[in-house]
Protein backbone atom coordinates (compact mmCIF):
# COMPACT_ATOMS: atom_id res chain seq x y z
CA UNK A 1 -9.77 14.38 9.43
CA UNK A 2 -8.13 12.16 6.81
CA UNK A 3 -5.34 14.04 4.96
CA UNK A 4 -5.73 14.15 1.11
CA UNK A 5 -2.17 12.47 0.93
CA UNK A 6 -3.46 9.61 3.25
CA UNK A 7 -6.62 9.24 1.27
CA UNK A 8 -4.41 8.99 -1.97
CA UNK A 9 -2.42 6.15 -0.56
CA UNK A 10 -4.61 4.01 1.85
CA UNK A 11 -6.02 1.83 -0.89
CA UNK A 12 -2.32 0.80 -2.27
CA UNK A 13 -2.35 -2.55 -0.63
CA UNK A 14 -6.03 -3.56 -1.65
CA UNK A 15 -5.17 -2.43 -5.26
CA UNK A 16 -2.27 -4.62 -5.39
CA UNK A 17 -4.36 -7.45 -4.41
CA UNK A 18 -6.73 -7.08 -7.25
CA UNK A 19 -4.04 -6.33 -9.89
CA UNK A 20 -2.38 -9.54 -8.72
CA UNK A 21 -5.75 -11.44 -9.18
CA UNK A 22 -6.08 -10.10 -12.89
CA UNK A 23 -2.43 -10.98 -13.62
CA UNK A 24 -3.14 -14.53 -12.28
CA UNK A 25 -6.46 -14.96 -14.10
CA UNK A 26 -4.86 -13.85 -17.39
CA UNK A 27 -1.94 -16.24 -17.04
CA UNK A 28 -4.43 -19.04 -16.26
CA UNK A 29 -6.53 -18.38 -19.28
CA UNK A 30 -3.46 -18.04 -21.59
CA UNK A 31 -2.24 -21.45 -20.48
CA UNK A 32 -5.61 -22.97 -20.86
CA UNK A 33 -5.84 -21.59 -24.51
CA UNK A 34 -2.61 -23.33 -25.40
CA UNK A 35 -3.55 -26.73 -23.92
CA UNK A 36 -7.05 -26.78 -25.15
CA UNK A 37 -8.17 -29.10 -27.90
CA UNK A 38 -9.97 -27.39 -31.00
CA UNK A 39 -10.32 -30.36 -33.30
CA UNK A 40 -13.98 -31.38 -33.16
CA UNK A 41 -15.89 -33.13 -35.70
CA UNK A 42 -18.94 -30.76 -35.28
CA UNK A 43 -19.90 -27.37 -33.89
CA UNK A 44 -22.18 -29.34 -31.46
CA UNK A 45 -19.30 -31.30 -30.22
CA UNK A 46 -17.39 -28.06 -29.96
CA UNK A 47 -20.20 -26.54 -27.99
CA UNK A 48 -20.42 -29.37 -25.57
CA UNK A 49 -16.61 -29.43 -24.87
CA UNK A 50 -16.59 -25.59 -24.52
CA UNK A 51 -19.35 -25.71 -21.68
CA UNK A 52 -17.25 -28.47 -19.87
CA UNK A 53 -14.04 -26.28 -20.19
CA UNK A 54 -15.83 -23.14 -19.09
CA UNK A 55 -17.42 -24.92 -16.09
CA UNK A 56 -13.88 -26.01 -14.99
CA UNK A 57 -12.44 -22.72 -15.47
CA UNK A 58 -15.41 -20.92 -13.82
CA UNK A 59 -14.59 -23.06 -10.60
CA UNK A 60 -10.91 -21.74 -10.71
CA UNK A 61 -12.25 -18.26 -10.97
CA UNK A 62 -14.52 -18.63 -7.97
CA UNK A 63 -11.70 -20.04 -5.73
CA UNK A 64 -9.32 -17.19 -6.72
CA UNK A 65 -12.18 -14.60 -6.25
CA UNK A 66 -12.96 -16.11 -2.93
CA UNK A 67 -9.25 -15.92 -1.80
CA UNK A 68 -9.00 -12.39 -3.07
CA UNK A 69 -12.30 -11.16 -1.38
CA UNK A 70 -11.05 -12.57 1.96
CA UNK A 71 -7.86 -10.57 1.65
CA UNK A 72 -9.38 -7.40 0.56
CA UNK A 73 -12.23 -7.56 3.20
CA UNK A 74 -9.45 -7.67 5.96
CA UNK A 75 -7.73 -4.74 4.48
CA UNK A 76 -11.04 -2.96 4.08
CA UNK A 77 -11.83 -3.61 7.72
CA UNK A 78 -8.26 -2.32 8.83
CA UNK A 79 -8.37 0.69 6.41
CA UNK A 80 -11.79 1.98 7.68
CA UNK A 81 -11.45 1.33 11.20
CA UNK A 82 -8.04 2.95 11.50
CA UNK A 83 -8.97 5.90 9.11
CA UNK A 84 -12.28 6.51 10.82
CA UNK A 85 -10.99 6.36 14.38
CA UNK A 86 -7.98 8.36 13.33
CA UNK A 87 -10.14 11.14 12.04
CA UNK A 88 -12.38 11.48 14.87
CA UNK A 89 -9.49 11.26 17.40
CA UNK A 90 -7.93 14.14 15.59
CA UNK A 91 -11.04 16.18 15.74
CA UNK A 92 -11.49 15.34 19.63
CA UNK A 93 -8.30 16.93 20.45
CA UNK A 94 -9.35 20.12 18.87
CA UNK A 95 -12.70 19.65 20.77
CA UNK A 96 -10.82 19.13 24.08
CA UNK A 97 -8.86 22.33 23.55
CA UNK A 98 -11.95 24.33 22.84
CA UNK A 99 -13.70 22.89 25.99
CA UNK A 100 -10.38 23.96 28.03
CA UNK A 101 -10.75 27.37 26.54
CA UNK A 102 -14.42 27.62 27.47
CA UNK A 103 -15.58 27.69 23.78
CA UNK A 104 -17.42 24.51 24.36
CA UNK A 105 -19.47 23.40 27.33
CA UNK A 106 -18.20 19.94 27.41
CA UNK A 107 -16.80 16.93 25.39
CA UNK A 108 -19.38 14.49 24.78
CA UNK A 109 -18.38 10.84 24.44
CA UNK A 110 -19.36 9.51 21.21
CA UNK A 111 -17.39 6.16 21.10
CA UNK A 112 -20.37 3.91 20.72
CA UNK A 113 -21.67 6.19 17.77
CA UNK A 114 -18.40 5.95 16.06
CA UNK A 115 -18.14 2.32 16.30
CA UNK A 116 -21.60 2.01 14.57
CA UNK A 117 -20.19 4.24 11.65
CA UNK A 118 -17.12 2.05 11.29
CA UNK A 119 -19.14 -1.02 11.20
CA UNK A 120 -21.47 0.37 8.71
CA UNK A 121 -18.85 1.55 6.46
CA UNK A 122 -17.00 -1.77 6.51
CA UNK A 123 -20.23 -3.54 5.84
CA UNK A 124 -21.27 -1.22 2.97
CA UNK A 125 -17.87 -1.18 1.31
CA UNK A 126 -17.16 -5.15 1.75
CA UNK A 127 -20.80 -5.54 0.38
CA UNK A 128 -19.96 -3.20 -2.86
CA UNK A 129 -16.78 -5.45 -3.39
CA UNK A 130 -18.83 -8.83 -3.13
CA UNK A 131 -21.39 -7.40 -5.55
CA UNK A 132 -18.60 -6.41 -7.87
CA UNK A 133 -16.90 -9.86 -7.47
CA UNK A 134 -20.11 -11.61 -8.73
CA UNK A 135 -20.06 -9.30 -11.84
CA UNK A 136 -16.36 -9.75 -12.38
CA UNK A 137 -16.55 -13.58 -12.25
CA UNK A 138 -18.95 -13.40 -15.01
CA UNK A 139 -16.78 -10.92 -17.07
CA UNK A 140 -13.78 -13.20 -16.56
CA UNK A 141 -15.68 -16.13 -17.74
CA UNK A 142 -16.98 -14.39 -20.97
CA UNK A 143 -13.52 -13.17 -21.68
CA UNK A 144 -12.13 -16.74 -21.55
CA UNK A 145 -15.10 -17.97 -23.73
CA UNK A 146 -14.67 -15.41 -26.42
CA UNK A 147 -10.86 -16.32 -26.59
CA UNK A 148 -11.30 -20.01 -27.16
CA UNK A 149 -14.25 -19.33 -29.45
CA UNK A 150 -11.99 -16.93 -31.54
CA UNK A 151 -9.28 -19.74 -31.46
CA UNK A 152 -11.67 -22.63 -32.52
CA UNK A 153 -13.21 -20.53 -35.31
CA UNK A 154 -9.67 -19.51 -36.80
CA UNK A 155 -8.80 -23.00 -36.71
CA UNK A 156 -11.81 -24.48 -38.41
CA UNK A 157 -12.04 -21.99 -41.20
CA UNK A 158 -8.49 -22.73 -42.22
CA UNK A 159 -6.98 -19.45 -42.63
CA UNK A 160 -4.75 -19.91 -39.58
CA UNK A 161 -2.74 -22.75 -38.39
CA UNK A 162 -3.51 -23.96 -34.98
CA UNK A 163 -0.42 -22.01 -33.75
CA UNK A 164 -1.36 -18.95 -35.29
CA UNK A 165 -4.85 -19.12 -34.10
CA UNK A 166 -3.69 -19.75 -30.63
CA UNK A 167 -1.12 -16.75 -30.58
CA UNK A 168 -3.84 -14.54 -32.17
CA UNK A 169 -6.26 -15.40 -29.19
CA UNK A 170 -3.73 -14.83 -26.59
CA UNK A 171 -2.53 -11.56 -28.09
CA UNK A 172 -6.04 -10.25 -28.13
CA UNK A 173 -6.52 -11.26 -24.49
CA UNK A 174 -3.40 -9.61 -23.51
CA UNK A 175 -4.55 -6.30 -25.25
CA UNK A 176 -7.96 -6.39 -23.59
CA UNK A 177 -7.34 -7.70 -20.20
CA UNK A 178 -10.24 -8.12 -17.97
CA UNK A 179 -12.69 -5.26 -17.63
CA UNK A 180 -16.09 -4.60 -16.21
CA UNK A 181 -18.79 -1.99 -17.30
CA UNK A 182 -19.63 -0.22 -14.12
CA UNK A 183 -19.85 3.41 -14.96
CA UNK A 184 -23.02 5.09 -15.99
CA UNK A 185 -21.31 5.75 -19.46
CA UNK A 186 -20.57 2.15 -19.90
CA UNK A 187 -16.86 2.83 -19.79
CA UNK A 188 -15.14 -0.51 -18.85
CA UNK A 189 -12.54 -0.48 -16.17
CA UNK A 190 -9.97 -2.99 -14.69
CA UNK A 191 -10.71 -4.37 -11.29
CA UNK A 192 -8.14 -2.50 -9.35
CA UNK A 193 -9.52 0.95 -10.63
CA UNK A 194 -12.93 -0.18 -9.51
CA UNK A 195 -11.80 -1.37 -6.13
CA UNK A 196 -9.66 1.65 -5.37
CA UNK A 197 -12.65 3.98 -6.17
CA UNK A 198 -14.97 1.83 -3.82
CA UNK A 199 -12.63 1.66 -0.93
CA UNK A 200 -11.37 5.38 -1.07
CA UNK A 201 -15.01 6.72 -1.43
CA UNK A 202 -16.26 4.24 1.20
CA UNK A 203 -13.53 5.07 3.67
CA UNK A 204 -13.79 8.86 3.23
CA UNK A 205 -17.55 8.59 3.47
CA UNK A 206 -17.53 6.49 6.68
CA UNK A 207 -14.96 8.89 8.11
CA UNK A 208 -16.99 12.20 7.17
CA UNK A 209 -20.33 10.68 8.53
CA UNK A 210 -18.58 9.81 12.00
CA UNK A 211 -17.04 13.36 11.87
CA UNK A 212 -20.33 14.85 11.14
CA UNK A 213 -22.21 13.08 14.01
CA UNK A 214 -19.42 13.93 16.27
CA UNK A 215 -19.25 17.67 15.21
CA UNK A 216 -22.99 18.04 16.07
CA UNK A 217 -22.84 16.12 19.28
CA UNK A 218 -20.08 18.54 20.46
CA UNK A 219 -22.22 21.49 19.52
CA UNK A 220 -19.50 23.03 17.16
CA UNK A 221 -20.25 25.49 14.40
CA UNK A 222 -17.41 25.99 12.10
CA UNK A 223 -15.34 23.72 9.90
CA UNK A 224 -12.09 24.19 7.67
CA UNK A 225 -11.98 22.16 4.32
CA UNK A 226 -8.66 20.73 3.45
CA UNK A 227 -6.82 21.82 0.55
CA UNK A 228 -4.27 20.20 -1.67
CA UNK A 229 -2.60 21.17 -5.14
CA UNK A 230 -3.99 18.99 -7.95
CA UNK A 231 -7.63 19.10 -6.83
CA UNK A 232 -10.18 18.80 -9.51
CA UNK A 233 -11.05 22.30 -10.91
CA UNK A 234 -14.72 21.91 -9.63
CA UNK A 235 -13.33 21.48 -6.02
CA UNK A 236 -10.52 23.94 -6.00
CA UNK A 237 -12.94 26.93 -5.36
CA UNK A 238 -13.95 25.77 -2.05
CA UNK A 239 -10.80 24.00 -0.71
CA UNK A 240 -8.96 25.64 2.38
CA UNK A 241 -11.99 27.78 3.30
CA UNK A 242 -13.77 28.17 6.49
CA UNK A 243 -17.42 27.39 6.58
CA UNK A 244 -20.38 27.53 9.03
CA UNK A 245 -22.31 24.16 9.31
CA UNK A 246 -25.74 24.04 10.52
CA UNK A 247 -28.36 21.51 10.72
CA UNK A 248 -31.21 21.53 8.35
CA UNK A 249 -33.71 24.16 9.69
CA UNK A 250 -31.17 25.66 11.82
CA UNK A 251 -30.61 29.48 11.69
CA UNK A 252 -27.15 30.72 10.45
CA UNK A 253 -25.29 32.50 13.20
CA UNK A 254 -22.00 33.58 11.39
CA UNK A 255 -20.96 35.57 8.29
CA UNK A 256 -19.14 32.55 7.11
CA UNK A 257 -20.65 30.72 3.86
CA UNK A 258 -22.76 27.63 4.30
CA UNK A 259 -20.92 24.44 4.37
CA UNK A 260 -23.13 22.03 2.55
CA UNK A 261 -24.43 24.73 -0.21
CA UNK A 262 -20.77 25.78 -0.94
CA UNK A 263 -19.10 22.34 -1.09
CA UNK A 264 -22.08 20.03 -2.32
CA UNK A 265 -21.26 17.94 0.82
CA UNK A 266 -23.55 14.86 0.63
CA UNK A 267 -23.70 14.66 -3.28
CA UNK A 268 -21.57 12.55 -5.65
CA UNK A 269 -20.03 15.49 -7.19
CA UNK A 270 -19.35 17.26 -4.01
CA UNK A 271 -16.85 17.09 -0.99
CA UNK A 272 -16.73 13.49 0.07
CA UNK A 273 -18.14 12.18 -3.13
CA UNK A 274 -16.75 10.04 -5.93
CA UNK A 275 -13.00 9.73 -5.46
CA UNK A 276 -12.88 12.91 -3.54
CA UNK A 277 -9.70 13.45 -1.31
CA UNK A 278 -11.16 16.49 0.61
CA UNK A 279 -12.05 16.37 4.23
CA UNK A 280 -12.74 18.84 7.07
CA UNK A 281 -12.23 19.38 10.76
CA UNK A 282 -13.58 21.85 13.47
CA UNK A 283 -12.61 25.23 13.65
CA UNK A 284 -12.88 27.61 16.48
CA UNK A 285 -12.43 31.47 16.45
CA UNK A 286 -9.99 32.71 18.93
CA UNK A 287 -8.36 29.20 19.19
CA UNK A 288 -7.82 27.58 15.87
CA UNK A 289 -5.29 28.86 13.29
CA UNK A 290 -5.82 28.26 9.48
CA UNK A 291 -4.21 25.18 8.60
CA UNK A 292 -4.87 25.52 4.85
CA UNK A 293 -4.65 28.85 2.92
CA UNK A 294 -6.76 28.99 -0.20
CA UNK A 295 -4.55 27.85 -3.08
CA UNK A 296 -3.94 29.54 -6.33
CA UNK A 297 -6.35 28.27 -8.93
CA UNK A 298 -3.79 28.53 -11.66
CA UNK A 299 -1.26 26.63 -9.75
CA UNK A 300 -3.85 24.02 -8.66
CA UNK A 301 -4.77 23.51 -12.19
CA UNK A 302 -1.11 23.04 -13.28
CA UNK A 303 -0.62 20.36 -10.54
CA UNK A 304 -4.00 18.70 -11.50
CA UNK A 305 -2.72 18.42 -15.02
CA UNK A 306 0.55 16.90 -14.22
CA UNK A 307 -0.69 14.60 -11.83
CA UNK A 308 -3.15 13.48 -14.31
CA UNK A 309 -0.23 12.96 -16.85
CA UNK A 310 1.67 11.08 -14.35
CA UNK A 311 -1.39 8.80 -13.55
CA UNK A 312 -1.74 8.21 -17.32
CA UNK A 313 1.93 7.22 -17.65
CA UNK A 314 1.44 4.93 -14.61
CA UNK A 315 -1.65 3.23 -16.16
CA UNK A 316 0.24 2.53 -19.33
CA UNK A 317 3.18 1.03 -17.58
CA UNK A 318 0.67 -1.28 -15.88
CA UNK A 319 -1.04 -1.97 -19.12
CA UNK A 320 2.01 -3.15 -21.09
CA UNK A 321 3.34 -5.12 -17.98
CA UNK A 322 -0.09 -6.81 -17.90
CA UNK A 323 0.26 -7.54 -21.77
CA UNK A 324 3.97 -8.88 -21.18
CA UNK A 325 3.05 -11.14 -18.41
CA UNK A 326 0.03 -12.70 -20.26
CA UNK A 327 1.99 -13.34 -23.44
CA UNK A 328 4.78 -14.85 -21.62
CA UNK A 329 2.35 -17.07 -19.77
CA UNK A 330 0.91 -18.43 -23.09
CA UNK A 331 4.54 -18.89 -24.53
CA UNK A 332 4.28 -15.91 -26.93
CA UNK A 333 6.89 -13.39 -27.92
CA UNK A 334 6.79 -10.40 -25.61
CA UNK A 335 9.51 -8.36 -26.85
CA UNK A 336 7.50 -5.37 -27.93
CA UNK A 337 5.81 -5.31 -24.73
CA UNK A 338 8.90 -5.22 -22.68
CA UNK A 339 10.08 -2.29 -24.91
CA UNK A 340 6.87 -0.46 -24.23
CA UNK A 341 7.13 -0.86 -20.51
CA UNK A 342 10.76 0.44 -20.61
CA UNK A 343 9.41 3.45 -22.90
CA UNK A 344 6.64 4.34 -20.59
CA UNK A 345 8.82 4.17 -17.50
CA UNK A 346 11.35 6.43 -19.07
CA UNK A 347 8.72 8.83 -20.14
CA UNK A 348 7.23 8.96 -16.43
CA UNK A 349 10.87 9.36 -15.02
CA UNK A 350 11.43 12.40 -17.29
CA UNK A 351 8.18 13.99 -16.32
CA UNK A 352 8.86 13.59 -12.60
CA UNK A 353 12.48 14.90 -13.06
CA UNK A 354 11.19 17.88 -15.07
CA UNK A 355 8.81 18.66 -12.18
CA UNK A 356 10.64 17.63 -8.89
CA UNK A 357 8.62 20.30 -6.85
CA UNK A 358 5.31 18.77 -7.63
CA UNK A 359 5.55 15.08 -8.55
CA UNK A 360 7.30 12.26 -7.08
CA UNK A 361 8.21 8.68 -8.02
CA UNK A 362 6.47 5.71 -6.48
CA UNK A 363 9.92 3.89 -5.65
CA UNK A 364 9.91 0.19 -5.99
CA UNK A 365 13.71 -0.14 -6.41
CA UNK A 366 16.16 2.59 -6.72
CA UNK A 367 19.63 2.22 -8.31
CA UNK A 368 22.34 3.33 -6.08
CA UNK A 369 26.18 3.06 -5.93
CA UNK A 370 27.62 -0.47 -4.83
CA UNK A 371 28.90 -0.95 -1.28
CA UNK A 372 32.61 -0.08 -1.10
CA UNK A 373 34.22 -3.56 -0.71
CA UNK A 374 37.44 -2.05 0.42
CA UNK A 375 35.82 -0.90 3.70
CA UNK A 376 34.42 -3.83 5.52
CA UNK A 377 32.15 -1.81 7.58
CA UNK A 378 31.10 0.71 5.03
CA UNK A 379 28.83 3.73 6.08
CA UNK A 380 27.31 3.34 2.72
CA UNK A 381 24.52 5.64 3.47
CA UNK A 382 25.89 8.28 5.60
CA UNK A 383 26.18 11.07 3.02
CA UNK A 384 22.45 10.93 1.98
CA UNK A 385 21.22 14.43 1.79
CA UNK A 386 17.81 14.02 3.25
CA UNK A 387 17.85 14.96 7.14
CA UNK A 388 14.40 14.87 8.03
CA UNK A 389 11.12 13.19 6.91
CA UNK A 390 9.73 16.60 5.63
CA UNK A 391 7.59 14.98 3.04
CA UNK A 392 6.40 11.67 1.92
CA UNK A 393 8.90 11.42 -0.97
CA UNK A 394 11.86 11.75 1.67
CA UNK A 395 10.39 8.68 3.63
CA UNK A 396 9.81 6.66 0.44
CA UNK A 397 13.17 7.73 -1.18
CA UNK A 398 15.40 6.76 1.78
CA UNK A 399 13.54 3.35 2.49
CA UNK A 400 13.80 2.33 -1.09
CA UNK A 401 17.68 2.97 -1.23
CA UNK A 402 18.07 1.07 2.35
CA UNK A 403 16.20 -1.83 0.95
CA UNK A 404 18.11 -1.89 -2.35
CA UNK A 405 21.48 -1.65 -0.31
CA UNK A 406 20.28 -4.37 2.24
CA UNK A 407 19.54 -6.72 -0.59
CA UNK A 408 23.12 -6.31 -1.79
CA UNK A 409 24.57 -6.92 1.65
CA UNK A 410 22.42 -9.95 2.12
CA UNK A 411 21.86 -11.32 -1.47
CA UNK A 412 18.39 -12.91 -1.95
CA UNK A 413 16.73 -10.74 0.66
CA UNK A 414 13.23 -9.54 -0.59
CA UNK A 415 12.11 -6.39 1.40
CA UNK A 416 8.56 -6.26 2.62
CA UNK A 417 6.05 -3.48 1.52
CA UNK A 418 6.30 -0.11 2.90
CA UNK A 419 3.10 1.38 4.40
CA UNK A 420 3.32 5.17 5.21
CA UNK A 421 0.83 5.92 7.95
CA UNK A 422 2.19 9.28 8.72
CA UNK A 423 5.37 11.30 7.92
CA UNK A 424 7.71 10.84 10.83
CA UNK A 425 10.97 9.77 12.23
CA UNK A 426 10.22 6.27 13.39
CA UNK A 427 8.63 3.11 12.02
CA UNK A 428 6.89 -0.23 12.98
CA UNK A 429 7.67 -3.48 11.23
CA UNK A 430 5.69 -6.61 11.72
CA UNK A 431 4.49 -10.06 10.62
CA UNK A 432 1.02 -10.02 10.21
CA UNK A 433 -0.75 -13.45 10.78
CA UNK A 434 -4.44 -13.72 9.83
CA UNK A 435 -6.03 -15.65 12.79
CA UNK A 436 -8.52 -17.53 10.48
CA UNK A 437 -6.19 -18.96 7.80
CA UNK A 438 -2.68 -18.36 9.22
CA UNK A 439 -1.63 -16.25 6.22
CA UNK A 440 1.68 -14.76 6.85
CA UNK A 441 2.45 -11.08 5.63
CA UNK A 442 5.41 -8.77 6.35
CA UNK A 443 5.38 -5.21 6.29
CA UNK A 444 7.11 -1.85 7.43
CA UNK A 445 5.01 0.93 8.58
CA UNK A 446 6.41 4.68 9.01
CA UNK A 447 4.58 6.28 12.03
CA UNK A 448 5.01 9.40 14.10
CA UNK A 449 7.10 8.42 17.27
CA UNK A 450 9.99 9.21 19.40
CA UNK A 451 13.61 8.40 18.44
CA UNK A 452 14.94 8.81 21.91
CA UNK A 453 17.07 6.15 23.26
CA UNK A 454 18.22 4.97 19.57
CA UNK A 455 21.70 5.09 18.13
CA UNK A 456 22.42 8.81 17.10
CA UNK A 457 23.24 9.52 13.53
CA UNK A 458 23.18 12.76 11.47
CA UNK A 459 20.26 11.42 9.49
CA UNK A 460 17.49 10.20 11.81
CA UNK A 461 15.29 8.95 9.09
CA UNK A 462 18.14 6.82 7.69
CA UNK A 463 18.65 5.22 11.20
CA UNK A 464 15.02 4.39 11.38
CA UNK A 465 14.94 2.73 7.92
CA UNK A 466 17.93 0.58 8.64
CA UNK A 467 16.63 -0.33 12.04
CA UNK A 468 13.20 -1.41 10.66
CA UNK A 469 14.64 -3.10 7.65
CA UNK A 470 16.98 -5.16 9.94
CA UNK A 471 13.95 -6.33 11.86
CA UNK A 472 12.41 -7.09 8.44
CA UNK A 473 15.53 -9.07 7.52
CA UNK A 474 15.41 -11.05 10.77
CA UNK A 475 11.74 -11.99 9.93
CA UNK A 476 12.63 -12.90 6.38
CA UNK A 477 15.50 -15.11 7.61
CA UNK A 478 13.27 -16.91 10.27
CA UNK A 479 10.68 -17.60 7.58
CA UNK A 480 13.44 -19.05 5.15
CA UNK A 481 14.71 -21.16 7.90
CA UNK A 482 11.40 -22.61 8.60
CA UNK A 483 10.45 -23.13 4.88
CA UNK A 484 7.73 -20.64 4.90
CA UNK A 485 7.05 -18.04 2.14
CA UNK A 486 5.39 -14.63 2.22
CA UNK A 487 1.63 -14.86 1.77
CA UNK A 488 1.66 -18.69 2.30
CA UNK A 489 -1.14 -20.36 4.15
CA UNK A 490 0.22 -22.37 7.13
CA UNK A 491 -0.87 -24.25 10.13
CA UNK A 492 -0.53 -23.95 13.84
CA UNK A 493 2.38 -26.14 13.89
CA UNK A 494 4.36 -24.03 11.14
CA UNK A 495 3.53 -20.85 13.23
CA UNK A 496 5.17 -22.61 16.39
CA UNK A 497 8.00 -23.68 14.20
CA UNK A 498 8.69 -20.13 12.92
CA UNK A 499 8.32 -18.59 16.45
CA UNK A 500 11.02 -21.16 17.74
CA UNK A 501 13.32 -20.61 14.76
CA UNK A 502 13.37 -16.72 15.34
CA UNK A 503 14.02 -17.13 18.96
CA UNK A 504 17.02 -19.44 18.31
CA UNK A 505 18.15 -16.75 15.69
CA UNK A 506 18.02 -13.87 18.07
CA UNK A 507 19.47 -15.92 21.03
CA UNK A 508 22.39 -16.77 18.96
CA UNK A 509 23.57 -13.18 18.70
CA UNK A 510 24.11 -12.94 22.52
CA UNK A 511 26.14 -16.52 22.44
CA UNK A 512 28.25 -14.91 19.64
CA UNK A 513 28.97 -11.64 21.63
CA UNK A 514 29.18 -12.72 25.10
CA UNK A 515 30.85 -15.46 27.17
CA UNK A 516 30.65 -15.39 30.93
CA UNK A 517 29.15 -12.03 31.60
CA UNK A 518 26.22 -11.61 34.00
CA UNK A 519 22.80 -10.32 32.80
CA UNK A 520 23.50 -6.84 34.34
CA UNK A 521 26.98 -6.67 32.74
CA UNK A 522 25.54 -7.53 29.26
CA UNK A 523 22.97 -5.01 29.68
CA UNK A 524 25.31 -2.13 30.73
CA UNK A 525 27.81 -3.11 28.04
CA UNK A 526 24.94 -2.93 25.41
CA UNK A 527 23.90 0.49 26.78
CA UNK A 528 27.38 1.87 26.70
CA UNK A 529 28.62 0.86 23.40
CA UNK A 530 25.38 0.80 21.42
CA UNK A 531 22.10 2.41 22.78
CA UNK A 532 19.50 2.43 25.36
CA UNK A 533 17.02 0.89 22.99
CA UNK A 534 19.74 -2.02 22.14
CA UNK A 535 19.22 -3.23 25.73
CA UNK A 536 15.36 -3.77 25.40
CA UNK A 537 15.50 -7.22 23.56
CA UNK A 538 17.63 -9.41 21.40
CA UNK A 539 15.65 -7.98 18.25
CA UNK A 540 16.34 -4.28 19.30
CA UNK A 541 20.13 -5.31 20.02
CA UNK A 542 20.50 -6.63 16.48
CA UNK A 543 18.64 -3.58 14.74
CA UNK A 544 20.48 -0.92 16.76
CA UNK A 545 23.95 -2.56 16.14
CA UNK A 546 23.19 -2.51 12.30
CA UNK A 547 22.34 1.13 12.27
CA UNK A 548 25.73 1.79 14.18
CA UNK A 549 27.67 -0.15 11.56
CA UNK A 550 26.03 0.98 8.50
CA UNK A 551 25.31 4.71 9.38
CA UNK A 552 26.96 5.68 12.53
CA UNK A 553 30.04 7.84 13.12
CA UNK A 554 31.94 4.89 14.61
CA UNK A 555 30.87 1.29 15.19
CA UNK A 556 31.71 -0.64 18.32
CA UNK A 557 33.28 -3.85 18.51
CA UNK A 558 30.08 -5.21 19.81
CA UNK A 559 28.10 -3.93 16.84
CA UNK A 560 30.53 -5.40 14.45
CA UNK A 561 30.29 -8.70 16.00
CA UNK A 562 26.48 -8.50 15.65
CA UNK A 563 26.88 -7.58 11.99
CA UNK A 564 29.20 -10.44 11.39
CA UNK A 565 26.88 -12.81 13.06
CA UNK A 566 23.99 -11.81 10.89
CA UNK A 567 26.17 -12.18 7.73
CA UNK A 568 27.25 -15.74 8.87
CA UNK A 569 23.59 -16.85 9.55
CA UNK A 570 22.45 -15.43 6.22
CA UNK A 571 25.07 -17.45 4.33
CA UNK A 572 24.10 -20.49 6.09
CA UNK A 573 20.36 -19.78 5.21
CA UNK A 574 21.07 -19.14 1.59
CA UNK A 575 23.30 -22.44 1.32
CA UNK A 576 20.45 -24.38 3.06
CA UNK A 577 17.72 -23.06 0.53
């Protein structure tokens, strides 16, 4: 099963890619409008010039779309591959327990079958994105053609100065953005919305098909449907319920209602259909305990309405931000747009603050108190009142605060995106390197894992966040020292240089902390003064030391040396750049 929460967030990264594409295309169009020549002796001459200009711009569109498609296809492959496998693996744990309890004859190996569903899901979803990209390219080109035509007509009719005509064209472009008509009603939508729906639906359907095949291969009978507040009203009536699932033509054997007939599974409007976040997992009487209780329809509707309001606020923030960026790219005044961004952000914040039990903020940056400069080794986060990752908001909130404070300690540090795979007390940081194009990407992913062997602090999630953000800082420093930026295309020599730079940076900490000690003496000292985890590698040594300095009860002299070393190296890095 894929949880409703996971389905709600698994497209975040691919949406961001397409949002950035629209911003880039709009900025390019605004700049082209400004630089274009509108003084032609005849309409025919203008028409010839326009075709040439559109051709040049179309080549740019195709290049940007090609880049975006490659990035998004990679994301789709990862999202569907991981999501489908996780869903089936979760179900298989239940099937294994059922077999051990003699409720199933045996557990069937369906790995080859599941691999096919993963491959089919990736192929289908990426095919849909490629088809959309072709439509989108034409829509972008039409938007640009309309804008320069408008500017030309306003200049030639004499009612506007050239500057007025250009500003009017750019303002209209900023208002409209780039949309495509893909809904049956003809409603036009932005690319990120279209892509989100395609990827979310494609992922859920691939997972459900794999689960279905796995379900019948195991000889199971019952399923429990997931439930979440805020479900659309038409889905609220069947969420959290137990159903019997039979093959077509097969006789029902229990008193539970029929799964397909009750939920509309397999239809666009039903479970697993358009933008649906519901899923299911096997249920065995005498073994399984109800995970989801049927939720109050009144409360579900209230949450649904509040979440819709929040989504609307977020769309308006995005809308006015897009307008602001486009106007600024065209050299136009964007004061009104900046005010609107602030207005909608405030409105959204008030909505969230008024409903803290239901809504959460998508934390990008959180304003917190500054570090107490009087205390050189300030435990600046030790008093955060969130002890466990009991919900997604706790994970995001603490990580956002840690990122903000790390940026204050190391001015110029830009934290990598947070990807929450599961609620838990540990995390994983990485530099992703595309094997084909050598495109570098940093990220931090929260996952379920053990925190044994780490520095003990009262707030384990805080420790985890500082630990992983320290790894991210080291990655960032290494990249800065190597002259490599996030999302930059590099060659194999650049990658080798990056690896050598990071190795030197990490090795430097040992030289700063130890003199003539033997390897065993160093390991024992690290274990005694910091933690078992710190002895595993230089990177772990640095990360655990930072946790002890910034959030522990008492920092050892060894940890302080590590902290001071990082600060010195960062100062060198900033000065060099």
